[in-house]
Amino acid sequence: MPFIKVYIHFVWSTKNRVPYLCSPELRKTMWKHIRENAKKKGIFIDFINGYQEHCHCLVSLGDDQTMRQLMQLVKGESSYWINKQNLLNEKFEWQDEYFAVSVSESLVDKVRNYIKNQENHHIHKTWEEEYNELIEKYGFQKFKD
């Protein structure tokens, strides 16, 4: 059995950045569902949180998992689930794109705290500002929607 610890910080937004997850209760329900569903699928979510129009997820990849697979399972199933539950008055969708950045073992606690504090973080900063910072910080190429 291999012993693997590869942390990835995933960030993705709702389709067209619509603030579907507008209440703390709905967000809590969504994050709980994503965590429970991921566990059933053998995906280890270390920490998950987000705000009205996006999600941050710290994951430890398994030896047979790819980032693409993981995102398809998490995002696809969670959007299907929230629509099936009729928790919104409109169809919920996640954006196709996502960020994925490796996290050094020495920085895992820092990333957990960053994810944990999303509610407070977004009192001072919009998702658009955070998105642009991620693009710049990690040297990603910005795609047009």
C-alpha atoms as a PDB file:
ATOM      1  CA  MET A   1       0.000   0.000   0.000  1.00  0.00           C
ATOM      2  CA  PRO A   2       1.483   3.366  -0.954  1.00  0.00           C
ATOM      3  CA  PHE A   3       1.759   6.151   1.590  1.00  0.00           C
ATOM      4  CA  ILE A   4       0.839   9.408  -0.128  1.00  0.00           C
ATOM      5  CA  LYS A   5       0.249  12.942   1.050  1.00  0.00           C
ATOM      6  CA  VAL A   6      -0.340  15.293  -1.859  1.00  0.00           C
ATOM      7  CA  TYR A   7      -2.420  18.307  -0.885  1.00  0.00           C
ATOM      8  CA  ILE A   8      -4.225  20.331  -3.534  1.00  0.00           C
ATOM      9  CA  HIS A   9      -6.121  23.569  -2.874  1.00  0.00           C
ATOM     10  CA  PHE A  10      -9.058  23.664  -5.301  1.00  0.00           C
ATOM     11  CA  VAL A  11     -11.137  26.784  -5.914  1.00  0.00           C
ATOM     12  CA  TRP A  12     -14.124  26.979  -8.235  1.00  0.00           C
ATOM     13  CA  SER A  13     -17.077  29.281  -8.742  1.00  0.00           C
ATOM     14  CA  THR A  14     -20.715  29.064  -9.629  1.00  0.00           C
ATOM     15  CA  LYS A  15     -21.693  29.473 -13.272  1.00  0.00           C
ATOM     16  CA  ASN A  16     -21.245  33.133 -14.256  1.00  0.00           C
ATOM     17  CA  ARG A  17     -20.389  33.809 -10.603  1.00  0.00           C
ATOM     18  CA  VAL A  18     -24.073  33.918  -9.648  1.00  0.00           C
ATOM     19  CA  PRO A  19     -24.348  34.104  -5.814  1.00  0.00           C
ATOM     20  CA  TYR A  20     -26.570  31.001  -5.560  1.00  0.00           C
ATOM     21  CA  LEU A  21     -25.175  30.122  -2.132  1.00  0.00           C
ATOM     22  CA  CYS A  22     -26.478  33.323  -0.584  1.00  0.00           C
ATOM     23  CA  SER A  23     -27.225  32.138   2.957  1.00  0.00           C
ATOM     24  CA  PRO A  24     -24.781  30.721   5.512  1.00  0.00           C
ATOM     25  CA  GLU A  25     -27.207  27.834   6.104  1.00  0.00           C
ATOM     26  CA  LEU A  26     -27.285  26.877   2.427  1.00  0.00           C
ATOM     27  CA  ARG A  27     -23.500  27.054   2.204  1.00  0.00           C
ATOM     28  CA  LYS A  28     -23.125  24.893   5.293  1.00  0.00           C
ATOM     29  CA  THR A  29     -25.552  22.357   3.805  1.00  0.00           C
ATOM     30  CA  MET A  30     -23.655  22.317   0.496  1.00  0.00           C
ATOM     31  CA  TRP A  31     -20.217  21.900   2.101  1.00  0.00           C
ATOM     32  CA  LYS A  32     -21.527  19.130   4.359  1.00  0.00           C
ATOM     33  CA  HIS A  33     -23.024  17.312   1.395  1.00  0.00           C
ATOM     34  CA  ILE A  34     -19.859  17.646  -0.682  1.00  0.00           C
ATOM     35  CA  ARG A  35     -17.785  16.270   2.218  1.00  0.00           C
ATOM     36  CA  GLU A  36     -20.131  13.324   2.825  1.00  0.00           C
ATOM     37  CA  ASN A  37     -20.409  12.450  -0.861  1.00  0.00           C
ATOM     38  CA  ALA A  38     -16.645  12.725  -1.342  1.00  0.00           C
ATOM     39  CA  LYS A  39     -16.032  10.364   1.573  1.00  0.00           C
ATOM     40  CA  LYS A  40     -18.318   7.763  -0.052  1.00  0.00           C
ATOM     41  CA  LYS A  41     -16.258   8.077  -3.244  1.00  0.00           C
ATOM     42  CA  GLY A  42     -12.906   7.726  -1.480  1.00  0.00           C
ATOM     43  CA  ILE A  43     -12.019  11.406  -1.796  1.00  0.00           C
ATOM     44  CA  PHE A  44     -10.321  12.869   1.278  1.00  0.00           C
ATOM     45  CA  ILE A  45     -11.456  16.445   1.841  1.00  0.00           C
ATOM     46  CA  ASP A  46      -9.297  17.963   4.534  1.00  0.00           C
ATOM     47  CA  PHE A  47     -11.189  21.259   4.642  1.00  0.00           C
ATOM     48  CA  ILE A  48     -14.016  22.877   2.679  1.00  0.00           C
ATOM     49  CA  ASN A  49     -15.671  26.274   2.811  1.00  0.00           C
ATOM     50  CA  GLY A  50     -16.531  29.129   0.543  1.00  0.00           C
ATOM     51  CA  TYR A  51     -18.823  32.028  -0.029  1.00  0.00           C
ATOM     52  CA  GLN A  52     -21.884  32.968  -2.074  1.00  0.00           C
ATOM     53  CA  GLU A  53     -20.400  32.197  -5.472  1.00  0.00           C
ATOM     54  CA  HIS A  54     -17.392  29.986  -4.906  1.00  0.00           C
ATOM     55  CA  CYS A  55     -15.891  27.078  -3.021  1.00  0.00           C
ATOM     56  CA  HIS A  56     -12.445  26.378  -1.569  1.00  0.00           C
ATOM     57  CA  CYS A  57     -11.515  22.774  -0.945  1.00  0.00           C
ATOM     58  CA  LEU A  58      -8.278  21.340   0.449  1.00  0.00           C
ATOM     59  CA  VAL A  59      -7.942  17.745  -0.733  1.00  0.00           C
ATOM     60  CA  SER A  60      -5.374  15.034  -0.219  1.00  0.00           C
ATOM     61  CA  LEU A  61      -5.222  13.145  -3.516  1.00  0.00           C
ATOM     62  CA  GLY A  62      -5.224   9.369  -3.516  1.00  0.00           C
ATOM     63  CA  ASP A  63      -2.777   7.374  -5.621  1.00  0.00           C
ATOM     64  CA  ASP A  64      -5.410   6.576  -8.262  1.00  0.00           C
ATOM     65  CA  GLN A  65      -7.121   9.980  -8.421  1.00  0.00           C
ATOM     66  CA  THR A  66      -6.628  12.774 -10.907  1.00  0.00           C
ATOM     67  CA  MET A  67      -7.595  16.378 -10.354  1.00  0.00           C
ATOM     68  CA  ARG A  68      -9.967  16.267 -13.321  1.00  0.00           C
ATOM     69  CA  GLN A  69     -11.710  13.137 -12.003  1.00  0.00           C
ATOM     70  CA  LEU A  70     -12.036  14.608  -8.565  1.00  0.00           C
ATOM     71  CA  MET A  71     -13.520  17.881  -9.821  1.00  0.00           C
ATOM     72  CA  GLN A  72     -15.984  16.065 -12.086  1.00  0.00           C
ATOM     73  CA  LEU A  73     -17.165  13.919  -9.186  1.00  0.00           C
ATOM     74  CA  VAL A  74     -17.413  16.739  -6.658  1.00  0.00           C
ATOM     75  CA  LYS A  75     -18.825  19.498  -8.832  1.00  0.00           C
ATOM     76  CA  GLY A  76     -21.074  17.327 -10.983  1.00  0.00           C
ATOM     77  CA  GLU A  77     -22.653  15.430  -8.149  1.00  0.00           C
ATOM     78  CA  SER A  78     -23.117  18.475  -5.902  1.00  0.00           C
ATOM     79  CA  SER A  79     -24.878  20.492  -8.613  1.00  0.00           C
ATOM     80  CA  TYR A  80     -27.097  17.485  -9.396  1.00  0.00           C
ATOM     81  CA  TRP A  81     -27.853  17.056  -5.692  1.00  0.00           C
ATOM     82  CA  ILE A  82     -28.737  20.699  -4.950  1.00  0.00           C
ATOM     83  CA  ASN A  83     -31.054  20.823  -7.971  1.00  0.00           C
ATOM     84  CA  LYS A  84     -32.713  17.527  -7.017  1.00  0.00           C
ATOM     85  CA  GLN A  85     -33.300  18.857  -3.478  1.00  0.00           C
ATOM     86  CA  ASN A  86     -35.029  21.974  -4.877  1.00  0.00           C
ATOM     87  CA  LEU A  87     -33.054  24.180  -2.501  1.00  0.00           C
ATOM     88  CA  LEU A  88     -33.072  27.061  -5.008  1.00  0.00           C
ATOM     89  CA  ASN A  89     -35.678  28.685  -7.223  1.00  0.00           C
ATOM     90  CA  GLU A  90     -33.405  28.378 -10.265  1.00  0.00           C
ATOM     91  CA  LYS A  91     -31.062  25.813 -11.766  1.00  0.00           C
ATOM     92  CA  PHE A  92     -27.720  25.653  -9.963  1.00  0.00           C
ATOM     93  CA  GLU A  93     -24.504  25.182 -11.931  1.00  0.00           C
ATOM     94  CA  TRP A  94     -20.788  25.320 -11.222  1.00  0.00           C
ATOM     95  CA  GLN A  95     -18.410  27.021 -13.665  1.00  0.00           C
ATOM     96  CA  ASP A  96     -16.363  24.560 -15.746  1.00  0.00           C
ATOM     97  CA  GLU A  97     -13.040  26.146 -14.800  1.00  0.00           C
ATOM     98  CA  TYR A  98     -11.281  25.698 -11.470  1.00  0.00           C
ATOM     99  CA  PHE A  99      -7.994  26.532  -9.795  1.00  0.00           C
ATOM    100  CA  ALA A 100      -5.792  23.763  -8.423  1.00  0.00           C
ATOM    101  CA  VAL A 101      -2.569  24.535  -6.582  1.00  0.00           C
ATOM    102  CA  SER A 102      -0.311  22.153  -4.701  1.00  0.00           C
ATOM    103  CA  VAL A 103       0.185  22.876  -1.017  1.00  0.00           C
ATOM    104  CA  SER A 104       3.383  22.130   0.857  1.00  0.00           C
ATOM    105  CA  GLU A 105       2.969  20.182   4.103  1.00  0.00           C
ATOM    106  CA  SER A 106       4.439  23.175   5.945  1.00  0.00           C
ATOM    107  CA  LEU A 107       1.620  25.429   4.644  1.00  0.00           C
ATOM    108  CA  VAL A 108      -1.390  23.139   5.184  1.00  0.00           C
ATOM    109  CA  ASP A 109      -2.438  24.892   8.428  1.00  0.00           C
ATOM    110  CA  LYS A 110      -2.196  28.295   6.757  1.00  0.00           C
ATOM    111  CA  VAL A 111      -4.394  27.138   3.858  1.00  0.00           C
ATOM    112  CA  ARG A 112      -6.908  25.556   6.266  1.00  0.00           C
ATOM    113  CA  ASN A 113      -7.196  28.860   8.135  1.00  0.00           C
ATOM    114  CA  TYR A 114      -7.596  30.784   4.894  1.00  0.00           C
ATOM    115  CA  ILE A 115     -10.414  28.451   3.809  1.00  0.00           C
ATOM    116  CA  LYS A 116     -11.980  28.488   7.273  1.00  0.00           C
ATOM    117  CA  ASN A 117     -12.201  32.298   7.292  1.00  0.00           C
ATOM    118  CA  GLN A 118     -13.972  32.801   3.954  1.00  0.00           C
ATOM    119  CA  GLU A 119     -16.995  34.555   5.503  1.00  0.00           C
ATOM    120  CA  ASN A 120     -14.801  37.213   7.154  1.00  0.00           C
ATOM    121  CA  HIS A 121     -12.421  37.374   4.210  1.00  0.00           C
ATOM    122  CA  HIS A 122     -15.223  38.346   1.842  1.00  0.00           C
ATOM    123  CA  ILE A 123     -16.445  41.196   4.010  1.00  0.00           C
ATOM    124  CA  HIS A 124     -13.360  43.032   2.740  1.00  0.00           C
ATOM    125  CA  LYS A 125     -12.749  41.450  -0.650  1.00  0.00           C
ATOM    126  CA  THR A 126     -15.043  40.422  -3.502  1.00  0.00           C
ATOM    127  CA  TRP A 127     -14.778  37.102  -5.288  1.00  0.00           C
ATOM    128  CA  GLU A 128     -13.697  38.986  -8.417  1.00  0.00           C
ATOM    129  CA  GLU A 129     -10.790  40.543  -6.481  1.00  0.00           C
ATOM    130  CA  GLU A 130      -9.821  37.166  -5.027  1.00  0.00           C
ATOM    131  CA  TYR A 131     -10.071  35.540  -8.479  1.00  0.00           C
ATOM    132  CA  ASN A 132      -7.767  38.145  -9.998  1.00  0.00           C
ATOM    133  CA  GLU A 133      -5.300  37.732  -7.123  1.00  0.00           C
ATOM    134  CA  LEU A 134      -5.190  33.962  -7.690  1.00  0.00           C
ATOM    135  CA  ILE A 135      -4.580  34.496 -11.407  1.00  0.00           C
ATOM    136  CA  GLU A 136      -1.719  36.888 -10.677  1.00  0.00           C
ATOM    137  CA  LYS A 137      -0.215  35.071  -7.677  1.00  0.00           C
ATOM    138  CA  TYR A 138       0.079  31.734  -9.471  1.00  0.00           C
ATOM    139  CA  GLY A 139       0.742  33.054 -12.963  1.00  0.00           C
ATOM    140  CA  PHE A 140      -2.398  31.573 -14.491  1.00  0.00           C
ATOM    141  CA  GLN A 141      -3.633  32.764 -17.857  1.00  0.00           C
ATOM    142  CA  LYS A 142      -7.013  34.449 -17.548  1.00  0.00           C
ATOM    143  CA  PHE A 143      -9.661  32.977 -19.839  1.00  0.00           C
ATOM    144  CA  LYS A 144     -12.634  34.872 -21.171  1.00  0.00           C
ATOM    145  CA  ASP A 145     -16.027  33.547 -20.063  1.00  0.00           C
END
